Amino acid sequence: MTSVQRPAEAASYKFSDIVADPAIHARWNKVRKYFFLRESTYDMTNRCNIRCEGCYYFNGEKHLTVEERDPSAWKHLMEAEKERGITFVVLAGAEPSLVPELCRQCFKTIPMGAIATNGLHAIPRDIDYRIHVSVWGNDATSLTVRKAPKMLDRQMEIYRDDPRAIFIYTFTPYNIDDAAEVTHILAENGQRISFNMFSAPVGYSGELRHSAESLQRTAEMMARLLAQYPQTVLYSPYNIEVHTNRLGLHALFSCPYPRRNPSSAIGLGRSFKQYRTDLSWDRDAACCVPDTDCEDCRHYAAGSAVVTARMYRHADHPRSFAAWLDYVDTYLAVWVRDYEKSENLCPLLSFEEQKTLAA
């Protein structure tokens, strides 16, 4: 059995029966304390110190907007965001480490959040957000795709002994084997890592789009690294299943972000906004990673909302609900400062075992 393919006997379980299990009950109580999180995302600057193939930011028109560089304007925006119920901010696009004064203003008003960075410029310690340092392979691969030398060495030096930092490894068809080397290096240096999947931007015609073969190879590598480095890799078996599925997240779960969700009554359709550098936003483009091809989306940031928002899809069987709890536990550990991931409730099964259970 897999959690995407729910078991035939699922309807026989009541939710009260599922959460009566002590381990599930404890994990449920742990994660639901964070259900108050309400997220929006913000492009902080249209400048970047590198250019990566397949970059989401420099596809589309986002990078053409005028930058608002006045900290007081950002202060006003954050105060308005807090007033409308936003409790978690994600600072991105293009390279937010280049505008620490704006990031600091966000932190002063809304102190829970995360920053997505290429990791080549230090973010001051007083900006106490979670920091996602992007990795796209070993140094040789990064030089090819990101045009920057010795990226991993430089990233590790800048964020050495920094509890805010987690390294986010984006799998493409061409860096799957690199992941073993990178994870080993990070483990040796006391760093933590989680995984992302390259998801093609709209109109992308390059070679980084995944195939059925690369999805399976990626799943196998993720499972190997999760088993080999359980203290280093923040992931779960259900994360692997969802993000390497032949179907994208939208096909599996449907997407709750405004870009694909016409309802503004509840949930992300009501609360989520994606602001550009001029502090404007467009509902028709609003999602966690604008300009992604929705049919190809397996992005870790999208899954953090798409999968977590589908509790009802998982709450009819102990194993599927435990898998969902593992996913939410992983999401919180990756995104929220000082949240510690627990041991996964669901075992890491071999692909042969998964096929047997799914039959």
Protein backbone atom coordinates (compact mmCIF):
# COMPACT_ATOMS: atom_id res chain seq x y z
CA MET A 1 0.00 0.00 0.00
CA THR A 2 1.07 3.55 -0.67
CA SER A 3 -0.56 6.62 0.77
CA VAL A 4 -1.40 8.12 -2.62
CA GLN A 5 -3.12 4.80 -3.45
CA ARG A 6 -5.38 4.46 -0.43
CA PRO A 7 -6.34 0.98 0.81
CA ALA A 8 -9.70 -0.57 0.05
CA GLU A 9 -10.46 -1.09 3.74
CA ALA A 10 -9.87 2.58 4.60
CA ALA A 11 -13.54 3.41 5.14
CA SER A 12 -13.74 1.06 8.13
CA TYR A 13 -11.60 3.38 10.29
CA LYS A 14 -12.93 6.31 12.29
CA PHE A 15 -10.56 9.19 12.95
CA SER A 16 -10.92 8.65 16.69
CA ASP A 17 -9.71 5.07 16.22
CA ILE A 18 -6.70 6.22 14.19
CA VAL A 19 -5.51 8.80 16.73
CA ALA A 20 -6.03 6.35 19.59
CA ASP A 21 -2.70 4.79 18.61
CA PRO A 22 -0.19 6.30 21.09
CA ALA A 23 2.51 7.10 18.52
CA ILE A 24 0.05 8.67 16.09
CA HIS A 25 -1.66 10.56 18.91
CA ALA A 26 1.63 12.05 20.10
CA ARG A 27 2.68 13.10 16.59
CA TRP A 28 -0.76 14.57 15.85
CA ASN A 29 -0.57 16.68 19.01
CA LYS A 30 2.95 17.78 18.08
CA VAL A 31 2.21 19.01 14.55
CA ARG A 32 -1.22 20.52 15.06
CA LYS A 33 0.25 23.16 17.37
CA TYR A 34 1.49 24.79 14.17
CA PHE A 35 -1.78 24.88 12.30
CA PHE A 36 -1.91 28.63 12.99
CA LEU A 37 0.72 29.23 10.29
CA ARG A 38 -0.55 31.43 7.46
CA GLU A 39 2.00 32.00 4.70
CA SER A 40 2.69 34.48 1.95
CA THR A 41 5.83 34.96 -0.15
CA TYR A 42 7.81 38.05 -1.13
CA ASP A 43 10.32 38.81 -3.88
CA MET A 44 12.84 41.01 -2.09
CA THR A 45 15.00 42.14 -5.01
CA ASN A 46 15.37 41.54 -8.74
CA ARG A 47 19.14 41.33 -8.42
CA CYS A 48 21.19 38.15 -8.13
CA ASN A 49 24.90 37.40 -7.98
CA ILE A 50 24.66 34.28 -10.21
CA ARG A 51 22.50 33.02 -13.09
CA CYS A 52 21.22 29.42 -12.93
CA GLU A 53 19.76 27.41 -15.78
CA GLY A 54 16.02 26.95 -15.32
CA CYS A 55 15.76 29.72 -12.71
CA TYR A 56 12.13 30.43 -11.82
CA TYR A 57 12.72 34.06 -11.04
CA PHE A 58 14.19 35.08 -14.38
CA ASN A 59 11.44 33.34 -16.33
CA GLY A 60 8.30 35.36 -16.96
CA GLU A 61 8.11 39.06 -16.10
CA LYS A 62 8.77 39.19 -12.35
CA HIS A 63 12.33 40.41 -12.75
CA LEU A 64 11.15 43.39 -14.79
CA THR A 65 9.30 45.03 -11.89
CA VAL A 66 10.78 48.06 -10.18
CA GLU A 67 12.33 47.40 -6.78
CA GLU A 68 10.91 49.00 -3.68
CA ARG A 69 14.07 49.62 -1.65
CA ASP A 70 12.61 51.79 1.11
CA PRO A 71 12.57 49.85 4.42
CA SER A 72 9.65 51.94 5.64
CA ALA A 73 7.52 50.71 2.72
CA TRP A 74 8.36 47.12 3.64
CA LYS A 75 7.56 47.88 7.29
CA HIS A 76 4.14 49.16 6.25
CA LEU A 77 3.53 46.06 4.11
CA MET A 78 4.53 43.68 6.90
CA GLU A 79 2.28 45.47 9.38
CA ALA A 80 -0.62 45.15 6.93
CA GLU A 81 0.21 41.49 6.36
CA LYS A 82 0.26 40.80 10.09
CA GLU A 83 -3.05 42.60 10.44
CA ARG A 84 -4.70 40.36 7.84
CA GLY A 85 -3.47 37.23 9.63
CA ILE A 86 -0.16 36.32 7.98
CA THR A 87 2.08 34.58 10.52
CA PHE A 88 4.85 33.16 8.29
CA VAL A 89 6.79 34.84 5.49
CA VAL A 90 8.97 33.32 2.79
CA LEU A 91 11.54 35.75 1.39
CA ALA A 92 12.89 34.88 -2.03
CA GLY A 93 13.58 36.23 -5.53
CA ALA A 94 15.95 36.97 -6.80
CA GLU A 95 18.65 36.86 -4.06
CA PRO A 96 17.37 38.20 -0.73
CA SER A 97 20.78 38.13 0.96
CA LEU A 98 21.64 41.21 -1.12
CA VAL A 99 19.04 43.30 0.75
CA PRO A 100 19.52 42.44 4.44
CA GLU A 101 17.99 45.74 5.54
CA LEU A 102 14.67 44.72 3.94
CA CYS A 103 14.83 41.16 5.32
CA ARG A 104 15.50 42.61 8.76
CA GLN A 105 12.43 44.82 8.52
CA CYS A 106 10.30 41.77 7.72
CA PHE A 107 11.72 39.86 10.68
CA LYS A 108 11.03 42.70 13.10
CA THR A 109 7.33 42.59 12.26
CA ILE A 110 6.69 38.89 11.50
CA PRO A 111 9.35 36.81 13.29
CA MET A 112 8.50 33.42 11.77
CA GLY A 113 9.67 32.71 8.26
CA ALA A 114 12.27 31.39 5.86
CA ILE A 115 14.70 32.83 3.33
CA ALA A 116 15.61 31.08 0.07
CA THR A 117 19.20 31.89 -0.88
CA ASN A 118 22.01 30.63 -3.07
CA GLY A 119 24.18 30.75 0.05
CA LEU A 120 27.03 32.81 -1.38
CA HIS A 121 26.39 35.86 0.77
CA ALA A 122 25.96 35.75 4.54
CA ILE A 123 22.61 36.74 6.00
CA PRO A 124 23.18 38.58 9.32
CA ARG A 125 22.53 36.48 12.41
CA ASP A 126 19.99 38.89 13.87
CA ILE A 127 17.61 37.95 11.02
CA ASP A 128 16.59 34.73 12.73
CA TYR A 129 14.59 33.08 9.97
CA ARG A 130 15.13 29.56 8.66
CA ILE A 131 17.63 29.77 5.79
CA HIS A 132 17.30 27.46 2.78
CA VAL A 133 20.64 27.18 1.00
CA SER A 134 20.10 25.88 -2.54
CA VAL A 135 22.35 23.10 -3.88
CA TRP A 136 22.15 21.73 -7.42
CA GLY A 137 24.91 19.12 -7.36
CA ASN A 138 28.57 18.85 -6.49
CA ASP A 139 30.93 21.69 -7.31
CA ALA A 140 31.58 20.46 -10.85
CA THR A 141 27.88 20.23 -11.66
CA SER A 142 27.15 23.56 -9.99
CA LEU A 143 29.79 25.23 -12.12
CA THR A 144 28.04 23.92 -15.24
CA VAL A 145 24.45 24.74 -14.22
CA ARG A 146 24.95 27.77 -11.98
CA LYS A 147 28.18 29.22 -13.40
CA ALA A 148 29.70 29.61 -9.93
CA PRO A 149 32.93 27.91 -8.78
CA LYS A 150 33.32 25.93 -5.53
CA MET A 151 29.75 26.64 -4.48
CA LEU A 152 29.39 23.96 -1.80
CA ASP A 153 32.69 24.84 -0.13
CA ARG A 154 31.71 28.51 -0.03
CA GLN A 155 28.18 27.80 1.18
CA MET A 156 29.38 25.55 4.00
CA GLU A 157 31.98 28.07 5.11
CA ILE A 158 29.45 30.91 5.21
CA TYR A 159 26.83 28.89 7.11
CA ARG A 160 29.12 26.72 9.23
CA ASP A 161 27.63 26.18 12.73
CA ASP A 162 24.61 28.27 11.80
CA PRO A 163 21.46 26.62 13.22
CA ARG A 164 19.27 28.61 10.84
CA ALA A 165 20.65 26.87 7.76
CA ILE A 166 19.40 23.80 5.94
CA PHE A 167 20.70 22.80 2.53
CA ILE A 168 18.05 22.12 -0.12
CA TYR A 169 19.25 19.74 -2.82
CA THR A 170 17.35 20.11 -6.09
CA PHE A 171 17.37 16.89 -8.10
CA THR A 172 17.64 17.08 -11.88
CA PRO A 173 18.19 14.15 -14.26
CA TYR A 174 21.89 15.04 -14.31
CA ASN A 175 22.85 15.35 -10.64
CA ILE A 176 21.24 12.28 -9.08
CA ASP A 177 24.53 10.53 -8.38
CA ASP A 178 26.06 13.77 -7.05
CA ALA A 179 23.59 13.68 -4.15
CA ALA A 180 25.50 10.91 -2.38
CA GLU A 181 28.72 12.92 -2.42
CA VAL A 182 27.02 16.14 -1.33
CA THR A 183 25.07 14.49 1.50
CA HIS A 184 28.21 12.78 2.78
CA ILE A 185 30.12 16.08 2.82
CA LEU A 186 27.29 17.87 4.63
CA ALA A 187 26.99 15.05 7.17
CA GLU A 188 30.73 15.18 7.84
CA ASN A 189 30.39 18.92 8.48
CA GLY A 190 27.36 18.68 10.76
CA GLN A 191 24.94 20.23 8.28
CA ARG A 192 21.41 19.09 7.43
CA ILE A 193 19.84 18.54 4.04
CA SER A 194 16.40 18.15 2.52
CA PHE A 195 15.34 17.51 -1.05
CA ASN A 196 13.64 19.36 -3.88
CA MET A 197 12.69 18.33 -7.41
CA PHE A 198 13.43 20.46 -10.44
CA SER A 199 10.04 21.56 -11.76
CA ALA A 200 10.16 23.19 -15.16
CA PRO A 201 9.19 26.85 -15.56
CA VAL A 202 6.49 27.64 -18.10
CA GLY A 203 7.98 27.44 -21.58
CA TYR A 204 11.18 25.72 -20.43
CA SER A 205 12.79 23.69 -23.23
CA GLY A 206 16.07 22.70 -21.56
CA GLU A 207 17.28 19.29 -20.45
CA LEU A 208 16.56 19.48 -16.71
CA ARG A 209 12.93 18.33 -16.92
CA HIS A 210 12.46 14.90 -15.30
CA SER A 211 11.53 11.68 -17.11
CA ALA A 212 9.97 8.50 -15.73
CA GLU A 213 13.45 6.99 -15.55
CA SER A 214 15.00 9.92 -13.69
CA LEU A 215 12.07 10.03 -11.27
CA GLN A 216 12.66 6.41 -10.30
CA ARG A 217 16.41 6.89 -9.99
CA THR A 218 15.81 9.94 -7.82
CA ALA A 219 13.43 8.02 -5.57
CA GLU A 220 15.98 5.26 -5.12
CA MET A 221 18.72 7.78 -4.27
CA MET A 222 16.50 9.62 -1.79
CA ALA A 223 15.61 6.35 -0.05
CA ARG A 224 19.25 5.32 0.11
CA LEU A 225 20.34 8.63 1.63
CA LEU A 226 17.44 8.74 4.11
CA ALA A 227 18.43 5.27 5.34
CA GLN A 228 22.16 6.01 5.40
CA TYR A 229 22.02 9.48 7.00
CA PRO A 230 18.91 9.61 9.25
CA GLN A 231 20.37 12.42 11.38
CA THR A 232 21.34 14.52 8.36
CA VAL A 233 18.46 14.05 5.90
CA LEU A 234 15.16 15.71 6.82
CA TYR A 235 12.71 13.72 4.71
CA SER A 236 10.22 10.87 4.91
CA PRO A 237 9.18 7.88 2.80
CA TYR A 238 5.96 9.67 1.93
CA ASN A 239 7.89 12.73 0.75
CA ILE A 240 9.74 10.41 -1.62
CA GLU A 241 6.54 8.82 -2.86
CA VAL A 242 4.78 12.11 -3.49
CA HIS A 243 7.61 14.11 -5.05
CA THR A 244 8.90 11.40 -7.40
CA ASN A 245 5.48 10.24 -8.54
CA ARG A 246 4.97 10.16 -12.33
CA LEU A 247 2.10 12.58 -11.72
CA GLY A 248 2.77 16.09 -10.51
CA LEU A 249 1.39 17.55 -7.29
CA HIS A 250 -1.55 19.22 -9.03
CA ALA A 251 -2.67 15.97 -10.65
CA LEU A 252 -2.32 14.07 -7.37
CA PHE A 253 -3.97 16.52 -4.99
CA SER A 254 -5.11 19.60 -6.94
CA CYS A 255 -3.47 22.89 -6.03
CA PRO A 256 -4.94 25.23 -3.37
CA TYR A 257 -2.87 28.26 -4.38
CA PRO A 258 -4.80 31.18 -5.96
CA ARG A 259 -3.24 30.60 -9.37
CA ARG A 260 -5.16 27.31 -9.70
CA ASN A 261 -7.87 27.90 -7.10
CA PRO A 262 -10.71 30.26 -8.01
CA SER A 263 -12.17 30.28 -4.50
CA SER A 264 -11.27 33.16 -2.18
CA ALA A 265 -13.50 31.93 0.63
CA ILE A 266 -11.15 29.75 2.69
CA GLY A 267 -7.59 28.50 3.01
CA LEU A 268 -4.78 29.56 0.70
CA GLY A 269 -7.28 30.84 -1.83
CA ARG A 270 -8.24 33.49 0.72
CA SER A 271 -4.97 34.23 2.53
CA PHE A 272 -2.01 33.59 0.21
CA LYS A 273 -0.37 36.38 -1.78
CA GLN A 274 2.89 36.41 -3.71
CA TYR A 275 4.37 39.90 -3.76
CA ARG A 276 6.74 41.18 -6.40
CA THR A 277 9.58 43.58 -5.70
CA ASP A 278 7.33 46.60 -6.24
CA LEU A 279 4.98 45.22 -3.50
CA SER A 280 2.23 44.42 -6.01
CA TRP A 281 0.62 41.02 -6.44
CA ASP A 282 -1.44 39.29 -9.11
CA ARG A 283 -3.98 36.67 -8.05
CA ASP A 284 -3.79 34.95 -11.44
CA ALA A 285 -0.05 34.34 -10.95
CA ALA A 286 0.02 33.78 -7.18
CA CYS A 287 1.60 30.52 -6.07
CA CYS A 288 4.65 29.61 -4.02
CA VAL A 289 6.87 29.39 -7.13
CA PRO A 290 5.30 31.59 -9.84
CA ASP A 291 5.93 30.70 -13.48
CA THR A 292 6.30 26.99 -12.71
CA ASP A 293 4.62 24.68 -15.20
CA CYS A 294 1.78 23.43 -12.96
CA GLU A 295 1.63 20.02 -14.64
CA ASP A 296 5.32 19.45 -13.92
CA CYS A 297 5.30 20.82 -10.37
CA ARG A 298 6.94 18.60 -7.75
CA HIS A 299 8.49 21.52 -5.90
CA TYR A 300 9.18 21.10 -2.20
CA ALA A 301 7.69 24.50 -1.38
CA ALA A 302 4.48 23.64 -3.21
CA GLY A 303 4.20 20.29 -1.47
CA SER A 304 4.50 21.97 1.90
CA ALA A 305 1.06 23.46 1.29
CA VAL A 306 -0.50 21.17 -1.30
CA VAL A 307 0.02 17.95 0.67
CA THR A 308 -0.38 19.35 4.17
CA ALA A 309 -3.68 20.93 3.15
CA ARG A 310 -5.06 17.52 2.16
CA MET A 311 -5.36 15.98 5.62
CA TYR A 312 -8.84 14.67 4.77
CA ARG A 313 -7.33 12.59 1.95
CA HIS A 314 -5.21 10.71 4.48
CA ALA A 315 -7.36 10.50 7.61
CA ASP A 316 -9.18 7.26 6.86
CA HIS A 317 -6.46 4.68 7.55
CA PRO A 318 -3.71 4.48 10.21
CA ARG A 319 -0.88 4.01 7.71
CA SER A 320 -1.94 6.77 5.35
CA PHE A 321 -2.48 9.18 8.26
CA ALA A 322 0.89 8.24 9.78
CA ALA A 323 2.50 8.91 6.38
CA TRP A 324 0.82 12.31 6.23
CA LEU A 325 2.03 13.10 9.76
CA ASP A 326 5.58 12.21 8.68
CA TYR A 327 5.20 14.63 5.77
CA VAL A 328 3.91 17.45 7.98
CA ASP A 329 6.62 16.77 10.56
CA THR A 330 9.21 17.02 7.77
CA TYR A 331 7.67 20.23 6.44
CA LEU A 332 7.81 21.88 9.86
CA ALA A 333 11.41 20.77 10.47
CA VAL A 334 12.50 22.17 7.11
CA TRP A 335 10.66 25.48 7.37
CA VAL A 336 10.31 26.45 11.05
CA ARG A 337 13.26 27.53 13.22
CA ASP A 338 13.88 25.33 16.27
CA TYR A 339 11.34 22.69 15.26
CA GLU A 340 12.97 19.27 15.59
CA LYS A 341 11.88 16.42 13.36
CA SER A 342 10.88 13.16 15.02
CA GLU A 343 11.63 9.67 13.76
CA ASN A 344 9.35 8.75 10.86
CA LEU A 345 6.31 6.73 11.85
CA CYS A 346 6.22 4.88 8.52
CA PRO A 347 9.09 2.56 7.63
CA LEU A 348 11.27 3.08 4.61
CA LEU A 349 10.13 0.25 2.34
CA SER A 350 11.99 -1.18 -0.60
CA PHE A 351 10.39 -0.69 -3.99
CA GLU A 352 9.60 -4.41 -4.11
CA GLU A 353 7.75 -4.13 -0.76
CA GLN A 354 5.86 -1.05 -1.96
CA LYS A 355 4.70 -2.87 -5.09
CA THR A 356 3.57 -5.86 -3.03
CA LEU A 357 1.55 -3.70 -0.62
CA ALA A 358 0.03 -1.69 -3.44
CA ALA A 359 -1.19 -4.81 -5.24
